[in-house]
Amino acid sequence: MECRSGFMLYFIGLGLYDEKDISLKGIEALKKVDDIYAEFYTANLFGTTLSAVEDIISKEISVLTREEVEEFNIPLNAAMKKDVAFLAAGDPLIATTHTDMMIEAKKWNIETRVIHSSSILSAAPGLAGLQAYKFGKVTTIPFTEENYFPHSPYHAIKANKKLKAHTLVLLDIRADADRYMTVNQGLEYLLKVEKELGEEIVTEDSLAVALARAGSIKPLVRADTVKKLIMEDFGGPLHCLIIPGDLHFMEAEYLVKICGAPENLLDEL
């Protein structure tokens, strides 16, 4: 498409938890653009409200559905006529739908600027005391249905374990239905796949790390066996999991001293 708008489309990350996670650079951009759009179907902020963000910038924010973003291209069309900001929880380019919008903007000759923010991809390893470069492929456990029970997350963990790597396991979000998968549901899924395949990749005795509300003042981080974690209450969303691979002594010590893992974890190294 041969068009050149002369305007700017900003991709701005909201961070992990509340309105204070937005960078100063992001706030400056939001105050000067003409229109602001946001989506919360790929992730959400649970420590704030939309109005709290609007109060900071003294502007209204229009929340879009997946269809309005991906099919109707509302932010792109608006950026042909004015300066526009597109907001997303976490870092703005982690979700595939946002990178696709960047590609389309390039095709439309719309100038873009990215303002990054904190992401679960960096926060989770740090909270768990695990070395970021030792992580393998990230996977997501979906809400299953009667005729939909994929094994791909289990296989991703298996592949990472072969490499002695840790696995960050994201848990499904269906914001439109107010459904947010819990650690417990994620672990139940993995045990169910284990029962079907029997490859001893994730058993009741496997070590796992549960994380909840990363980015908040008091995030919850717990390391223990699957059979113990699955019985605990981790409170409100958002949750995620880490299935560790081979541990360095310092990683194991952090899991024991900070995350409450069993003391015998250190003896097993």
C-alpha atoms as a PDB file:
ATOM      1  CA  MET A   1       0.000   0.000   0.000  1.00  0.00           C
ATOM      2  CA  GLU A   2       1.566   3.262  -1.134  1.00  0.00           C
ATOM      3  CA  CYS A   3       0.648   5.798   1.488  1.00  0.00           C
ATOM      4  CA  ARG A   4       2.620   7.992   3.802  1.00  0.00           C
ATOM      5  CA  SER A   5       0.854   9.525   6.760  1.00  0.00           C
ATOM      6  CA  GLY A   6       3.517  11.821   8.182  1.00  0.00           C
ATOM      7  CA  PHE A   7       2.208  10.881  11.614  1.00  0.00           C
ATOM      8  CA  MET A   8       3.567   8.588  14.316  1.00  0.00           C
ATOM      9  CA  LEU A   9       2.264   5.309  15.730  1.00  0.00           C
ATOM     10  CA  TYR A  10       3.699   4.636  19.187  1.00  0.00           C
ATOM     11  CA  PHE A  11       3.791   1.142  20.676  1.00  0.00           C
ATOM     12  CA  ILE A  12       3.939   1.664  24.444  1.00  0.00           C
ATOM     13  CA  GLY A  13       4.294  -0.990  27.133  1.00  0.00           C
ATOM     14  CA  LEU A  14       2.299  -0.625  30.345  1.00  0.00           C
ATOM     15  CA  GLY A  15       4.487  -2.940  32.395  1.00  0.00           C
ATOM     16  CA  LEU A  16       3.387  -5.755  34.650  1.00  0.00           C
ATOM     17  CA  TYR A  17       1.032  -4.595  37.360  1.00  0.00           C
ATOM     18  CA  ASP A  18      -0.126  -0.994  37.805  1.00  0.00           C
ATOM     19  CA  GLU A  19      -0.099   2.479  36.298  1.00  0.00           C
ATOM     20  CA  LYS A  20       3.238   3.312  37.968  1.00  0.00           C
ATOM     21  CA  ASP A  21       4.984   0.799  35.701  1.00  0.00           C
ATOM     22  CA  ILE A  22       4.636   3.081  32.671  1.00  0.00           C
ATOM     23  CA  SER A  23       7.972   4.734  31.889  1.00  0.00           C
ATOM     24  CA  LEU A  24       8.417   8.506  31.924  1.00  0.00           C
ATOM     25  CA  LYS A  25       9.166   8.272  28.215  1.00  0.00           C
ATOM     26  CA  GLY A  26       5.842   6.504  27.729  1.00  0.00           C
ATOM     27  CA  ILE A  27       3.922   9.106  29.701  1.00  0.00           C
ATOM     28  CA  GLU A  28       5.512  11.931  27.713  1.00  0.00           C
ATOM     29  CA  ALA A  29       4.460  10.283  24.454  1.00  0.00           C
ATOM     30  CA  LEU A  30       0.917   9.659  25.702  1.00  0.00           C
ATOM     31  CA  LYS A  31       0.487  13.295  26.655  1.00  0.00           C
ATOM     32  CA  LYS A  32       1.324  14.532  23.167  1.00  0.00           C
ATOM     33  CA  VAL A  33      -0.477  12.069  20.869  1.00  0.00           C
ATOM     34  CA  ASP A  34      -3.958  12.697  19.469  1.00  0.00           C
ATOM     35  CA  ASP A  35      -5.574   9.290  20.052  1.00  0.00           C
ATOM     36  CA  ILE A  36      -4.781   6.465  22.461  1.00  0.00           C
ATOM     37  CA  TYR A  37      -5.865   2.856  22.039  1.00  0.00           C
ATOM     38  CA  ALA A  38      -5.235  -0.143  24.280  1.00  0.00           C
ATOM     39  CA  GLU A  39      -5.825  -3.878  24.212  1.00  0.00           C
ATOM     40  CA  PHE A  40      -6.061  -6.209  27.190  1.00  0.00           C
ATOM     41  CA  TYR A  41      -6.824  -9.528  25.520  1.00  0.00           C
ATOM     42  CA  THR A  42      -3.160 -10.659  25.419  1.00  0.00           C
ATOM     43  CA  ALA A  43      -2.452  -9.584  29.007  1.00  0.00           C
ATOM     44  CA  ASN A  44      -3.904  -7.363  31.714  1.00  0.00           C
ATOM     45  CA  LEU A  45      -2.957  -5.111  34.625  1.00  0.00           C
ATOM     46  CA  PHE A  46      -4.508  -6.166  37.921  1.00  0.00           C
ATOM     47  CA  GLY A  47      -3.056  -3.517  40.206  1.00  0.00           C
ATOM     48  CA  THR A  48      -4.818  -0.577  38.624  1.00  0.00           C
ATOM     49  CA  THR A  49      -7.755   0.632  36.570  1.00  0.00           C
ATOM     50  CA  LEU A  50      -7.960   2.250  33.178  1.00  0.00           C
ATOM     51  CA  SER A  51      -9.156   5.465  34.794  1.00  0.00           C
ATOM     52  CA  ALA A  52      -5.977   5.608  36.917  1.00  0.00           C
ATOM     53  CA  VAL A  53      -3.874   5.583  33.760  1.00  0.00           C
ATOM     54  CA  GLU A  54      -6.155   8.206  32.195  1.00  0.00           C
ATOM     55  CA  ASP A  55      -5.764  10.432  35.262  1.00  0.00           C
ATOM     56  CA  ILE A  56      -1.982  10.461  34.854  1.00  0.00           C
ATOM     57  CA  ILE A  57      -2.087  11.603  31.248  1.00  0.00           C
ATOM     58  CA  SER A  58      -5.357  13.610  31.407  1.00  0.00           C
ATOM     59  CA  LYS A  59      -6.690  11.835  28.321  1.00  0.00           C
ATOM     60  CA  GLU A  60      -9.189   9.127  27.452  1.00  0.00           C
ATOM     61  CA  ILE A  61      -8.076   5.673  26.322  1.00  0.00           C
ATOM     62  CA  SER A  62     -10.167   3.559  23.957  1.00  0.00           C
ATOM     63  CA  VAL A  63      -9.974  -0.173  24.693  1.00  0.00           C
ATOM     64  CA  LEU A  64     -10.159  -2.307  21.561  1.00  0.00           C
ATOM     65  CA  THR A  65     -11.229  -5.880  20.992  1.00  0.00           C
ATOM     66  CA  ARG A  66      -9.070  -8.394  19.142  1.00  0.00           C
ATOM     67  CA  GLU A  67     -11.271  -7.967  16.069  1.00  0.00           C
ATOM     68  CA  GLU A  68     -10.902  -4.179  16.122  1.00  0.00           C
ATOM     69  CA  VAL A  69      -7.099  -4.485  16.312  1.00  0.00           C
ATOM     70  CA  GLU A  70      -6.412  -7.415  13.993  1.00  0.00           C
ATOM     71  CA  GLU A  71      -9.209  -7.201  11.428  1.00  0.00           C
ATOM     72  CA  PHE A  72     -10.403  -3.595  11.370  1.00  0.00           C
ATOM     73  CA  ASN A  73      -6.882  -2.152  11.918  1.00  0.00           C
ATOM     74  CA  ILE A  74      -8.265   0.760  13.930  1.00  0.00           C
ATOM     75  CA  PRO A  75      -4.882   1.999  15.277  1.00  0.00           C
ATOM     76  CA  LEU A  76      -3.285   1.807  11.828  1.00  0.00           C
ATOM     77  CA  ASN A  77      -6.112   3.634  10.117  1.00  0.00           C
ATOM     78  CA  ALA A  78      -6.067   6.342  12.764  1.00  0.00           C
ATOM     79  CA  ALA A  79      -2.291   6.757  12.387  1.00  0.00           C
ATOM     80  CA  MET A  80      -2.835   7.772   8.759  1.00  0.00           C
ATOM     81  CA  LYS A  81      -4.434  10.981   9.995  1.00  0.00           C
ATOM     82  CA  LYS A  82      -2.946  11.755  13.406  1.00  0.00           C
ATOM     83  CA  ASP A  83      -0.394  10.724  16.042  1.00  0.00           C
ATOM     84  CA  VAL A  84      -1.571   7.567  17.769  1.00  0.00           C
ATOM     85  CA  ALA A  85      -0.455   5.481  20.764  1.00  0.00           C
ATOM     86  CA  PHE A  86      -1.195   1.779  21.106  1.00  0.00           C
ATOM     87  CA  LEU A  87      -0.922   0.419  24.647  1.00  0.00           C
ATOM     88  CA  ALA A  88      -0.429  -3.156  25.814  1.00  0.00           C
ATOM     89  CA  ALA A  89       0.376  -4.738  29.168  1.00  0.00           C
ATOM     90  CA  GLY A  90       3.969  -5.865  29.589  1.00  0.00           C
ATOM     91  CA  ASP A  91       6.348  -5.056  26.764  1.00  0.00           C
ATOM     92  CA  PRO A  92       4.518  -3.866  23.637  1.00  0.00           C
ATOM     93  CA  LEU A  93       6.176  -6.222  21.143  1.00  0.00           C
ATOM     94  CA  ILE A  94       6.057  -9.544  22.985  1.00  0.00           C
ATOM     95  CA  ALA A  95       2.656 -10.543  21.562  1.00  0.00           C
ATOM     96  CA  THR A  96       2.671 -11.742  17.949  1.00  0.00           C
ATOM     97  CA  THR A  97      -0.333  -9.581  17.079  1.00  0.00           C
ATOM     98  CA  HIS A  98       1.669  -6.455  17.925  1.00  0.00           C
ATOM     99  CA  THR A  99       4.667  -7.398  15.788  1.00  0.00           C
ATOM    100  CA  ASP A 100       2.235  -8.068  12.954  1.00  0.00           C
ATOM    101  CA  MET A 101       0.911  -4.529  13.383  1.00  0.00           C
ATOM    102  CA  MET A 102       4.494  -3.226  13.129  1.00  0.00           C
ATOM    103  CA  ILE A 103       4.871  -5.069   9.824  1.00  0.00           C
ATOM    104  CA  GLU A 104       1.612  -3.607   8.515  1.00  0.00           C
ATOM    105  CA  ALA A 105       2.651  -0.125   9.611  1.00  0.00           C
ATOM    106  CA  LYS A 106       5.861  -0.529   7.604  1.00  0.00           C
ATOM    107  CA  LYS A 107       3.829  -1.602   4.547  1.00  0.00           C
ATOM    108  CA  TRP A 108       1.597   1.452   4.973  1.00  0.00           C
ATOM    109  CA  ASN A 109       4.654   3.720   5.372  1.00  0.00           C
ATOM    110  CA  ILE A 110       3.526   4.754   8.842  1.00  0.00           C
ATOM    111  CA  GLU A 111       6.407   5.825  11.067  1.00  0.00           C
ATOM    112  CA  THR A 112       6.585   3.887  14.348  1.00  0.00           C
ATOM    113  CA  ARG A 113       8.300   4.226  17.683  1.00  0.00           C
ATOM    114  CA  VAL A 114       8.541   1.591  20.418  1.00  0.00           C
ATOM    115  CA  ILE A 115       8.663   2.447  24.125  1.00  0.00           C
ATOM    116  CA  HIS A 116       9.502  -0.687  26.052  1.00  0.00           C
ATOM    117  CA  SER A 117       8.450  -1.722  29.536  1.00  0.00           C
ATOM    118  CA  SER A 118       8.874  -4.588  31.981  1.00  0.00           C
ATOM    119  CA  SER A 119       7.894  -8.064  30.792  1.00  0.00           C
ATOM    120  CA  ILE A 120       7.160 -11.378  32.475  1.00  0.00           C
ATOM    121  CA  LEU A 121       9.893 -12.850  30.253  1.00  0.00           C
ATOM    122  CA  SER A 122      12.521 -10.997  32.290  1.00  0.00           C
ATOM    123  CA  ALA A 123      10.674 -10.617  35.597  1.00  0.00           C
ATOM    124  CA  ALA A 124       9.917 -14.314  36.170  1.00  0.00           C
ATOM    125  CA  PRO A 125      13.522 -15.568  35.924  1.00  0.00           C
ATOM    126  CA  GLY A 126      14.662 -12.765  38.209  1.00  0.00           C
ATOM    127  CA  LEU A 127      11.993 -13.406  40.832  1.00  0.00           C
ATOM    128  CA  ALA A 128      12.847 -17.099  40.840  1.00  0.00           C
ATOM    129  CA  GLY A 129      16.601 -16.494  41.071  1.00  0.00           C
ATOM    130  CA  LEU A 130      17.205 -18.434  37.850  1.00  0.00           C
ATOM    131  CA  GLN A 131      19.759 -17.357  35.263  1.00  0.00           C
ATOM    132  CA  ALA A 132      17.946 -15.876  32.269  1.00  0.00           C
ATOM    133  CA  TYR A 133      20.345 -17.291  29.670  1.00  0.00           C
ATOM    134  CA  LYS A 134      19.581 -20.837  30.890  1.00  0.00           C
ATOM    135  CA  PHE A 135      15.947 -20.692  29.740  1.00  0.00           C
ATOM    136  CA  GLY A 136      14.757 -22.550  26.670  1.00  0.00           C
ATOM    137  CA  LYS A 137      11.600 -22.156  24.628  1.00  0.00           C
ATOM    138  CA  VAL A 138       8.709 -20.383  26.367  1.00  0.00           C
ATOM    139  CA  THR A 139       5.385 -22.207  26.249  1.00  0.00           C
ATOM    140  CA  THR A 140       1.760 -21.464  27.139  1.00  0.00           C
ATOM    141  CA  ILE A 141      -0.786 -23.837  28.646  1.00  0.00           C
ATOM    142  CA  PRO A 142      -4.195 -23.152  27.066  1.00  0.00           C
ATOM    143  CA  PHE A 143      -7.630 -23.661  28.507  1.00  0.00           C
ATOM    144  CA  THR A 144      -8.615 -27.061  27.207  1.00  0.00           C
ATOM    145  CA  GLU A 145     -11.961 -28.092  25.775  1.00  0.00           C
ATOM    146  CA  GLU A 146     -13.728 -31.358  25.052  1.00  0.00           C
ATOM    147  CA  ASN A 147     -12.048 -31.786  21.675  1.00  0.00           C
ATOM    148  CA  TYR A 148      -8.976 -29.665  22.352  1.00  0.00           C
ATOM    149  CA  PHE A 149      -6.222 -30.967  24.615  1.00  0.00           C
ATOM    150  CA  PRO A 150      -2.827 -30.195  23.047  1.00  0.00           C
ATOM    151  CA  HIS A 151       0.373 -31.780  24.366  1.00  0.00           C
ATOM    152  CA  SER A 152       2.685 -29.098  22.964  1.00  0.00           C
ATOM    153  CA  PRO A 153       3.491 -27.406  26.321  1.00  0.00           C
ATOM    154  CA  TYR A 154       4.568 -30.761  27.759  1.00  0.00           C
ATOM    155  CA  HIS A 155       6.745 -31.426  24.719  1.00  0.00           C
ATOM    156  CA  ALA A 156       8.313 -27.961  25.029  1.00  0.00           C
ATOM    157  CA  ILE A 157       9.295 -28.747  28.632  1.00  0.00           C
ATOM    158  CA  LYS A 158      10.670 -32.111  27.507  1.00  0.00           C
ATOM    159  CA  ALA A 159      12.781 -30.490  24.777  1.00  0.00           C
ATOM    160  CA  ASN A 160      14.129 -27.882  27.193  1.00  0.00           C
ATOM    161  CA  LYS A 161      14.997 -30.523  29.770  1.00  0.00           C
ATOM    162  CA  LYS A 162      17.053 -32.364  27.165  1.00  0.00           C
ATOM    163  CA  LEU A 163      19.065 -29.161  26.873  1.00  0.00           C
ATOM    164  CA  LYS A 164      19.202 -28.885  30.701  1.00  0.00           C
ATOM    165  CA  ALA A 165      17.277 -25.611  30.294  1.00  0.00           C
ATOM    166  CA  HIS A 166      14.544 -24.026  32.396  1.00  0.00           C
ATOM    167  CA  THR A 167      11.036 -23.533  30.982  1.00  0.00           C
ATOM    168  CA  LEU A 168       8.868 -20.471  31.549  1.00  0.00           C
ATOM    169  CA  VAL A 169       5.264 -21.663  31.322  1.00  0.00           C
ATOM    170  CA  LEU A 170       2.722 -18.926  30.701  1.00  0.00           C
ATOM    171  CA  LEU A 171      -0.895 -19.619  31.617  1.00  0.00           C
ATOM    172  CA  ASP A 172      -3.861 -18.891  29.399  1.00  0.00           C
ATOM    173  CA  ILE A 173      -5.785 -15.613  29.529  1.00  0.00           C
ATOM    174  CA  ARG A 174      -9.308 -15.073  28.250  1.00  0.00           C
ATOM    175  CA  ALA A 175      -9.941 -11.530  29.358  1.00  0.00           C
ATOM    176  CA  ASP A 176     -13.229 -11.251  27.469  1.00  0.00           C
ATOM    177  CA  ALA A 177     -14.593 -14.095  29.619  1.00  0.00           C
ATOM    178  CA  ASP A 178     -12.746 -12.967  32.775  1.00  0.00           C
ATOM    179  CA  ARG A 179     -10.877 -16.293  32.870  1.00  0.00           C
ATOM    180  CA  TYR A 180      -7.273 -16.407  34.029  1.00  0.00           C
ATOM    181  CA  MET A 181      -5.610 -19.779  34.456  1.00  0.00           C
ATOM    182  CA  THR A 182      -4.170 -20.481  37.891  1.00  0.00           C
ATOM    183  CA  VAL A 183      -0.961 -22.267  38.811  1.00  0.00           C
ATOM    184  CA  ASN A 184      -3.109 -25.120  40.102  1.00  0.00           C
ATOM    185  CA  GLN A 185      -4.900 -25.531  36.780  1.00  0.00           C
ATOM    186  CA  GLY A 186      -1.601 -25.426  34.912  1.00  0.00           C
ATOM    187  CA  LEU A 187      -0.097 -28.130  37.080  1.00  0.00           C
ATOM    188  CA  GLU A 188      -3.239 -30.266  36.779  1.00  0.00           C
ATOM    189  CA  TYR A 189      -2.917 -30.032  33.010  1.00  0.00           C
ATOM    190  CA  LEU A 190       0.742 -31.121  33.071  1.00  0.00           C
ATOM    191  CA  LEU A 191      -0.017 -34.077  35.335  1.00  0.00           C
ATOM    192  CA  LYS A 192      -2.851 -35.117  33.052  1.00  0.00           C
ATOM    193  CA  VAL A 193      -0.535 -35.121  30.039  1.00  0.00           C
ATOM    194  CA  GLU A 194       2.048 -37.001  32.106  1.00  0.00           C
ATOM    195  CA  LYS A 195      -0.547 -39.643  32.901  1.00  0.00           C
ATOM    196  CA  GLU A 196      -1.342 -40.004  29.204  1.00  0.00           C
ATOM    197  CA  LEU A 197       2.268 -40.108  27.949  1.00  0.00           C
ATOM    198  CA  GLY A 198       4.136 -41.487  30.968  1.00  0.00           C
ATOM    199  CA  GLU A 199       7.509 -39.986  30.048  1.00  0.00           C
ATOM    200  CA  GLU A 200       8.294 -38.696  33.563  1.00  0.00           C
ATOM    201  CA  ILE A 201       8.826 -35.136  32.379  1.00  0.00           C
ATOM    202  CA  VAL A 202       6.538 -33.513  34.983  1.00  0.00           C
ATOM    203  CA  THR A 203       5.506 -35.790  37.834  1.00  0.00           C
ATOM    204  CA  GLU A 204       4.081 -35.116  41.287  1.00  0.00           C
ATOM    205  CA  ASP A 205       7.636 -35.138  42.642  1.00  0.00           C
ATOM    206  CA  SER A 206       9.012 -32.717  40.056  1.00  0.00           C
ATOM    207  CA  LEU A 207      10.300 -29.341  41.204  1.00  0.00           C
ATOM    208  CA  ALA A 208       8.274 -26.354  39.997  1.00  0.00           C
ATOM    209  CA  VAL A 209       8.184 -22.631  40.716  1.00  0.00           C
ATOM    210  CA  ALA A 210       4.872 -20.819  41.048  1.00  0.00           C
ATOM    211  CA  LEU A 211       4.677 -17.060  40.501  1.00  0.00           C
ATOM    212  CA  ALA A 212       1.754 -14.714  41.024  1.00  0.00           C
ATOM    213  CA  ARG A 213       1.279 -10.982  40.539  1.00  0.00           C
ATOM    214  CA  ALA A 214       4.761 -10.196  39.232  1.00  0.00           C
ATOM    215  CA  GLY A 215       5.383  -6.470  39.315  1.00  0.00           C
ATOM    216  CA  SER A 216       3.333  -5.877  42.452  1.00  0.00           C
ATOM    217  CA  ILE A 217       4.828  -4.718  45.753  1.00  0.00           C
ATOM    218  CA  LYS A 218       4.596  -8.256  47.128  1.00  0.00           C
ATOM    219  CA  PRO A 219       4.722 -10.804  44.325  1.00  0.00           C
ATOM    220  CA  LEU A 220       4.287 -14.422  45.362  1.00  0.00           C
ATOM    221  CA  VAL A 221       7.050 -16.861  44.458  1.00  0.00           C
ATOM    222  CA  ARG A 222       7.000 -20.458  45.706  1.00  0.00           C
ATOM    223  CA  ALA A 223       9.215 -23.389  44.794  1.00  0.00           C
ATOM    224  CA  ASP A 224       8.302 -26.936  45.785  1.00  0.00           C
ATOM    225  CA  THR A 225       7.208 -30.256  44.395  1.00  0.00           C
ATOM    226  CA  VAL A 226       4.218 -30.293  42.071  1.00  0.00           C
ATOM    227  CA  LYS A 227       2.143 -32.328  44.527  1.00  0.00           C
ATOM    228  CA  LYS A 228       2.593 -29.651  47.218  1.00  0.00           C
ATOM    229  CA  LEU A 229       2.167 -26.598  45.002  1.00  0.00           C
ATOM    230  CA  ILE A 230      -1.018 -27.954  43.464  1.00  0.00           C
ATOM    231  CA  MET A 231      -2.683 -27.844  46.892  1.00  0.00           C
ATOM    232  CA  GLU A 232      -1.790 -24.211  47.646  1.00  0.00           C
ATOM    233  CA  ASP A 233      -3.782 -21.031  47.097  1.00  0.00           C
ATOM    234  CA  PHE A 234      -1.823 -18.463  45.098  1.00  0.00           C
ATOM    235  CA  GLY A 235      -4.414 -15.704  45.192  1.00  0.00           C
ATOM    236  CA  GLY A 236      -5.470 -13.477  42.336  1.00  0.00           C
ATOM    237  CA  PRO A 237      -4.039 -13.323  38.786  1.00  0.00           C
ATOM    238  CA  LEU A 238      -1.848 -13.221  36.866  1.00  0.00           C
ATOM    239  CA  HIS A 239      -0.036 -16.531  37.473  1.00  0.00           C
ATOM    240  CA  CYS A 240       2.768 -18.355  35.678  1.00  0.00           C
ATOM    241  CA  LEU A 241       5.046 -21.347  36.227  1.00  0.00           C
ATOM    242  CA  ILE A 242       8.671 -22.275  35.806  1.00  0.00           C
ATOM    243  CA  ILE A 243       9.807 -25.864  35.400  1.00  0.00           C
ATOM    244  CA  PRO A 244      13.540 -25.782  36.217  1.00  0.00           C
ATOM    245  CA  GLY A 245      16.157 -27.686  34.265  1.00  0.00           C
ATOM    246  CA  ASP A 246      19.598 -28.384  35.711  1.00  0.00           C
ATOM    247  CA  LEU A 247      20.391 -26.003  38.555  1.00  0.00           C
ATOM    248  CA  HIS A 248      23.565 -24.135  39.403  1.00  0.00           C
ATOM    249  CA  PHE A 249      24.286 -24.166  43.145  1.00  0.00           C
ATOM    250  CA  MET A 250      23.410 -20.472  43.458  1.00  0.00           C
ATOM    251  CA  GLU A 251      20.092 -21.015  41.688  1.00  0.00           C
ATOM    252  CA  ALA A 252      19.253 -23.907  44.010  1.00  0.00           C
ATOM    253  CA  GLU A 253      20.235 -21.876  47.075  1.00  0.00           C
ATOM    254  CA  TYR A 254      17.976 -19.016  45.962  1.00  0.00           C
ATOM    255  CA  LEU A 255      15.056 -21.398  45.443  1.00  0.00           C
ATOM    256  CA  VAL A 256      15.574 -22.799  48.949  1.00  0.00           C
ATOM    257  CA  LYS A 257      16.319 -19.594  50.884  1.00  0.00           C
ATOM    258  CA  ILE A 258      14.052 -17.166  49.030  1.00  0.00           C
ATOM    259  CA  CYS A 259      11.351 -19.293  47.386  1.00  0.00           C
ATOM    260  CA  GLY A 260      10.838 -21.941  50.085  1.00  0.00           C
ATOM    261  CA  ALA A 261      12.047 -25.000  48.152  1.00  0.00           C
ATOM    262  CA  PRO A 262      12.876 -28.116  50.213  1.00  0.00           C
ATOM    263  CA  GLU A 263      16.322 -28.010  51.853  1.00  0.00           C
ATOM    264  CA  ASN A 264      17.255 -31.347  50.310  1.00  0.00           C
ATOM    265  CA  LEU A 265      17.400 -29.623  46.927  1.00  0.00           C
ATOM    266  CA  LEU A 266      20.919 -28.494  47.853  1.00  0.00           C
ATOM    267  CA  ASP A 267      21.931 -32.040  48.757  1.00  0.00           C
ATOM    268  CA  GLU A 268      20.891 -33.324  45.331  1.00  0.00           C
ATOM    269  CA  LEU A 269      23.397 -31.167  43.413  1.00  0.00           C
END
